[in-house]
Amino acid sequence: MMNNKSGIRRLVLDVLKPHNPSIVELAGVLGDLEGVDGVNLSLYEMDQKTENVKITLEGLDLDYELIRQEIENMGAVVHSVDEIAAGKKIIEEVETHQDR
């Protein structure tokens, strides 16, 4: 059987979701997935029908497809993958002149 995992250690997603389920429920579902050691959801925009949330997941070997499927099963959609870290350790992003 082929291993679907990719060595991803941190994944940051921009997600559009309906008001229900709540971010508490979504965090619980994602936090229970195999390979996920921690999850952080931040609400950064809301309108009458939807919420935009930033989802940060960390683990030793995250399965992006499984995570995306669970997000979609809860009625949400991944707008973009905003950050990804892979390898034996997480490398923190360094600010450069272009970032200022």
N, C-alpha and C. Protein backbone atom coordinates (compact mmCIF):
# COMPACT_ATOMS: atom_id res chain seq x y z
N MET A 1 0.84 -1.18 0.00
CA MET A 1 0.00 0.00 0.00
C MET A 1 0.88 1.24 0.00
N MET A 2 0.54 2.21 -0.85
CA MET A 2 1.34 3.42 -0.98
C MET A 2 1.01 4.40 0.15
N ASN A 3 2.05 5.03 0.73
CA ASN A 3 1.88 6.03 1.77
C ASN A 3 1.53 7.36 1.11
N ASN A 4 0.37 7.96 1.48
CA ASN A 4 -0.12 9.20 0.89
C ASN A 4 0.47 10.43 1.58
N LYS A 5 1.24 10.25 2.63
CA LYS A 5 1.76 11.39 3.39
C LYS A 5 2.99 11.95 2.71
N SER A 6 3.29 13.22 3.03
CA SER A 6 4.33 13.91 2.27
C SER A 6 5.42 14.55 3.12
N GLY A 7 5.47 14.30 4.41
CA GLY A 7 6.50 14.92 5.24
C GLY A 7 6.16 16.34 5.64
N ILE A 8 4.94 16.78 5.43
CA ILE A 8 4.53 18.13 5.80
C ILE A 8 4.46 18.23 7.32
N ARG A 9 5.06 19.27 7.90
CA ARG A 9 5.08 19.46 9.34
C ARG A 9 4.23 20.63 9.79
N ARG A 10 4.06 21.66 8.94
CA ARG A 10 3.18 22.79 9.23
C ARG A 10 2.42 23.14 7.96
N LEU A 11 1.14 23.40 8.12
CA LEU A 11 0.28 23.74 6.99
C LEU A 11 -0.62 24.89 7.44
N VAL A 12 -0.62 25.98 6.66
CA VAL A 12 -1.47 27.13 6.95
C VAL A 12 -2.42 27.31 5.78
N LEU A 13 -3.72 27.27 6.09
CA LEU A 13 -4.76 27.30 5.07
C LEU A 13 -5.67 28.50 5.27
N ASP A 14 -6.10 29.10 4.16
CA ASP A 14 -7.14 30.12 4.15
C ASP A 14 -8.42 29.40 3.75
N VAL A 15 -9.41 29.40 4.65
CA VAL A 15 -10.61 28.59 4.46
C VAL A 15 -11.86 29.45 4.57
N LEU A 16 -12.81 29.22 3.67
CA LEU A 16 -14.13 29.84 3.73
C LEU A 16 -15.11 28.79 4.22
N LYS A 17 -15.85 29.13 5.29
CA LYS A 17 -16.77 28.17 5.88
C LYS A 17 -18.09 28.83 6.21
N PRO A 18 -19.17 28.04 6.28
CA PRO A 18 -20.44 28.57 6.76
C PRO A 18 -20.33 28.81 8.28
N HIS A 19 -21.29 29.54 8.85
CA HIS A 19 -21.26 29.78 10.30
C HIS A 19 -21.35 28.48 11.10
N ASN A 20 -22.07 27.51 10.57
CA ASN A 20 -22.17 26.21 11.22
C ASN A 20 -21.58 25.16 10.32
N PRO A 21 -20.70 24.33 10.80
CA PRO A 21 -20.29 24.16 12.18
C PRO A 21 -19.39 25.30 12.65
N SER A 22 -19.29 25.44 13.97
CA SER A 22 -18.47 26.50 14.55
C SER A 22 -16.98 26.19 14.36
N ILE A 23 -16.16 27.20 14.60
CA ILE A 23 -14.71 26.96 14.52
C ILE A 23 -14.26 26.01 15.62
N VAL A 24 -14.99 25.97 16.73
CA VAL A 24 -14.68 25.02 17.80
C VAL A 24 -14.87 23.59 17.30
N GLU A 25 -16.00 23.34 16.63
CA GLU A 25 -16.26 22.00 16.09
C GLU A 25 -15.25 21.63 15.01
N LEU A 26 -14.95 22.57 14.11
CA LEU A 26 -13.99 22.30 13.04
C LEU A 26 -12.61 22.01 13.62
N ALA A 27 -12.19 22.78 14.62
CA ALA A 27 -10.89 22.54 15.26
C ALA A 27 -10.85 21.15 15.89
N GLY A 28 -11.94 20.74 16.52
CA GLY A 28 -11.98 19.42 17.14
C GLY A 28 -11.83 18.30 16.14
N VAL A 29 -12.54 18.41 15.01
CA VAL A 29 -12.45 17.39 13.96
C VAL A 29 -11.03 17.32 13.40
N LEU A 30 -10.45 18.48 13.08
CA LEU A 30 -9.11 18.50 12.50
C LEU A 30 -8.06 18.04 13.52
N GLY A 31 -8.23 18.42 14.77
CA GLY A 31 -7.28 18.03 15.81
C GLY A 31 -7.27 16.53 16.08
N ASP A 32 -8.37 15.85 15.75
CA ASP A 32 -8.45 14.40 15.95
C ASP A 32 -7.90 13.58 14.79
N LEU A 33 -7.52 14.24 13.69
CA LEU A 33 -7.02 13.50 12.53
C LEU A 33 -5.65 12.90 12.82
N GLU A 34 -5.41 11.73 12.23
CA GLU A 34 -4.11 11.08 12.36
C GLU A 34 -3.02 12.00 11.82
N GLY A 35 -1.94 12.13 12.57
CA GLY A 35 -0.80 12.94 12.14
C GLY A 35 -0.87 14.39 12.58
N VAL A 36 -2.01 14.85 13.07
CA VAL A 36 -2.15 16.24 13.52
C VAL A 36 -1.85 16.29 15.02
N ASP A 37 -0.80 17.06 15.37
CA ASP A 37 -0.43 17.23 16.78
C ASP A 37 -1.07 18.48 17.37
N GLY A 38 -1.37 19.46 16.55
CA GLY A 38 -1.98 20.69 17.03
C GLY A 38 -2.65 21.44 15.91
N VAL A 39 -3.69 22.20 16.26
CA VAL A 39 -4.43 22.99 15.27
C VAL A 39 -4.82 24.32 15.91
N ASN A 40 -4.77 25.37 15.11
CA ASN A 40 -5.15 26.70 15.55
C ASN A 40 -6.04 27.30 14.48
N LEU A 41 -7.23 27.75 14.85
CA LEU A 41 -8.14 28.42 13.92
C LEU A 41 -8.30 29.86 14.37
N SER A 42 -8.17 30.80 13.43
CA SER A 42 -8.36 32.22 13.71
C SER A 42 -9.39 32.77 12.75
N LEU A 43 -10.44 33.36 13.30
CA LEU A 43 -11.46 34.01 12.50
C LEU A 43 -10.97 35.40 12.13
N TYR A 44 -10.91 35.71 10.83
CA TYR A 44 -10.46 37.04 10.46
C TYR A 44 -11.43 37.82 9.61
N GLU A 45 -12.54 37.23 9.21
CA GLU A 45 -13.56 37.97 8.48
C GLU A 45 -14.86 37.19 8.55
N MET A 46 -15.98 37.94 8.69
CA MET A 46 -17.28 37.31 8.78
C MET A 46 -18.30 38.16 8.03
N ASP A 47 -19.21 37.50 7.32
CA ASP A 47 -20.35 38.21 6.74
C ASP A 47 -21.62 37.48 7.17
N GLN A 48 -22.74 37.77 6.53
CA GLN A 48 -24.01 37.18 6.97
C GLN A 48 -24.06 35.66 6.85
N LYS A 49 -23.35 35.11 5.87
CA LYS A 49 -23.46 33.66 5.63
C LYS A 49 -22.18 32.87 5.86
N THR A 50 -21.03 33.53 5.80
CA THR A 50 -19.77 32.79 5.84
C THR A 50 -18.75 33.43 6.78
N GLU A 51 -17.71 32.66 7.04
CA GLU A 51 -16.57 33.11 7.84
C GLU A 51 -15.29 32.73 7.10
N ASN A 52 -14.33 33.63 7.11
CA ASN A 52 -12.99 33.31 6.62
C ASN A 52 -12.13 32.99 7.83
N VAL A 53 -11.48 31.85 7.80
CA VAL A 53 -10.63 31.45 8.91
C VAL A 53 -9.25 31.05 8.39
N LYS A 54 -8.26 31.32 9.22
CA LYS A 54 -6.91 30.84 8.97
C LYS A 54 -6.74 29.61 9.84
N ILE A 55 -6.37 28.50 9.22
CA ILE A 55 -6.16 27.25 9.95
C ILE A 55 -4.69 26.89 9.88
N THR A 56 -4.07 26.75 11.04
CA THR A 56 -2.68 26.32 11.13
C THR A 56 -2.66 24.95 11.78
N LEU A 57 -2.04 24.00 11.10
CA LEU A 57 -1.91 22.64 11.62
C LEU A 57 -0.44 22.28 11.71
N GLU A 58 -0.08 21.56 12.78
CA GLU A 58 1.27 21.05 12.90
C GLU A 58 1.22 19.58 13.28
N GLY A 59 2.19 18.84 12.80
CA GLY A 59 2.32 17.42 13.09
C GLY A 59 3.56 16.89 12.41
N LEU A 60 3.90 15.66 12.69
CA LEU A 60 5.12 15.09 12.12
C LEU A 60 4.98 14.71 10.67
N ASP A 61 3.76 14.44 10.21
CA ASP A 61 3.56 14.02 8.82
C ASP A 61 2.11 14.26 8.43
N LEU A 62 1.76 15.51 8.14
CA LEU A 62 0.39 15.89 7.83
C LEU A 62 -0.02 15.39 6.45
N ASP A 63 -1.24 14.94 6.34
CA ASP A 63 -1.79 14.44 5.08
C ASP A 63 -2.74 15.52 4.53
N TYR A 64 -2.25 16.33 3.60
CA TYR A 64 -3.04 17.45 3.08
C TYR A 64 -4.37 17.00 2.50
N GLU A 65 -4.40 15.94 1.74
CA GLU A 65 -5.64 15.49 1.11
C GLU A 65 -6.68 15.08 2.14
N LEU A 66 -6.26 14.39 3.18
CA LEU A 66 -7.18 14.02 4.26
C LEU A 66 -7.72 15.26 4.96
N ILE A 67 -6.85 16.21 5.23
CA ILE A 67 -7.26 17.46 5.88
C ILE A 67 -8.24 18.21 5.00
N ARG A 68 -7.95 18.34 3.72
CA ARG A 68 -8.84 19.04 2.78
C ARG A 68 -10.19 18.36 2.72
N GLN A 69 -10.20 17.03 2.66
CA GLN A 69 -11.45 16.28 2.61
C GLN A 69 -12.30 16.53 3.85
N GLU A 70 -11.69 16.53 5.02
CA GLU A 70 -12.44 16.76 6.26
C GLU A 70 -13.00 18.18 6.30
N ILE A 71 -12.23 19.15 5.82
CA ILE A 71 -12.72 20.53 5.75
C ILE A 71 -13.93 20.60 4.83
N GLU A 72 -13.85 19.96 3.67
CA GLU A 72 -14.97 19.95 2.73
C GLU A 72 -16.17 19.18 3.28
N ASN A 73 -15.93 18.10 4.03
CA ASN A 73 -17.01 17.35 4.65
C ASN A 73 -17.80 18.20 5.64
N MET A 74 -17.17 19.24 6.17
CA MET A 74 -17.84 20.13 7.12
C MET A 74 -18.43 21.35 6.42
N GLY A 75 -18.49 21.32 5.07
CA GLY A 75 -19.14 22.38 4.31
C GLY A 75 -18.27 23.57 3.99
N ALA A 76 -16.97 23.46 4.23
CA ALA A 76 -16.04 24.55 3.98
C ALA A 76 -15.20 24.26 2.74
N VAL A 77 -14.43 25.26 2.31
CA VAL A 77 -13.57 25.10 1.14
C VAL A 77 -12.24 25.79 1.40
N VAL A 78 -11.15 25.14 0.97
CA VAL A 78 -9.82 25.72 1.08
C VAL A 78 -9.65 26.74 -0.05
N HIS A 79 -9.47 28.01 0.31
CA HIS A 79 -9.19 29.04 -0.69
C HIS A 79 -7.76 28.97 -1.17
N SER A 80 -6.83 28.79 -0.21
CA SER A 80 -5.42 28.74 -0.60
C SER A 80 -4.59 28.08 0.49
N VAL A 81 -3.45 27.58 0.06
CA VAL A 81 -2.42 27.11 1.00
C VAL A 81 -1.47 28.29 1.15
N ASP A 82 -1.46 28.90 2.35
CA ASP A 82 -0.70 30.13 2.56
C ASP A 82 0.71 29.89 3.06
N GLU A 83 0.96 28.74 3.66
CA GLU A 83 2.31 28.43 4.13
C GLU A 83 2.41 26.93 4.27
N ILE A 84 3.60 26.43 4.04
CA ILE A 84 3.85 25.01 4.22
C ILE A 84 5.30 24.84 4.68
N ALA A 85 5.50 23.94 5.61
CA ALA A 85 6.85 23.60 6.06
C ALA A 85 6.97 22.09 6.02
N ALA A 86 8.06 21.60 5.49
CA ALA A 86 8.27 20.16 5.37
C ALA A 86 9.73 19.86 5.68
N GLY A 87 9.98 18.62 5.97
CA GLY A 87 11.34 18.19 6.27
C GLY A 87 11.46 17.70 7.69
N LYS A 88 12.70 17.59 8.17
CA LYS A 88 12.93 17.04 9.51
C LYS A 88 12.63 18.04 10.62
N LYS A 89 12.64 19.34 10.32
CA LYS A 89 12.29 20.35 11.31
C LYS A 89 11.65 21.54 10.61
N ILE A 90 10.95 22.35 11.40
CA ILE A 90 10.29 23.54 10.85
C ILE A 90 11.29 24.68 10.82
N ILE A 91 11.41 25.30 9.67
CA ILE A 91 12.26 26.47 9.50
C ILE A 91 11.36 27.70 9.56
N GLU A 92 11.62 28.59 10.51
CA GLU A 92 10.83 29.80 10.63
C GLU A 92 11.22 30.78 9.52
N GLU A 93 10.21 31.45 8.98
CA GLU A 93 10.43 32.42 7.92
C GLU A 93 11.20 33.62 8.47
N VAL A 94 12.15 34.13 7.69
CA VAL A 94 12.98 35.26 8.08
C VAL A 94 12.54 36.48 7.29
N GLU A 95 12.40 37.62 7.96
CA GLU A 95 12.02 38.86 7.28
C GLU A 95 13.19 39.35 6.44
N THR A 96 12.89 39.77 5.20
CA THR A 96 13.89 40.32 4.30
C THR A 96 13.55 41.77 4.00
N HIS A 97 14.41 42.46 3.26
CA HIS A 97 14.16 43.85 2.89
C HIS A 97 12.85 44.01 2.11
N GLN A 98 12.51 43.02 1.30
CA GLN A 98 11.29 43.09 0.51
C GLN A 98 10.04 43.05 1.39
N ASP A 99 10.14 42.47 2.57
CA ASP A 99 9.00 42.35 3.49
C ASP A 99 8.71 43.64 4.24
N ARG A 100 9.64 44.55 4.25
CA ARG A 100 9.49 45.79 5.04
C ARG A 100 8.72 46.83 4.30
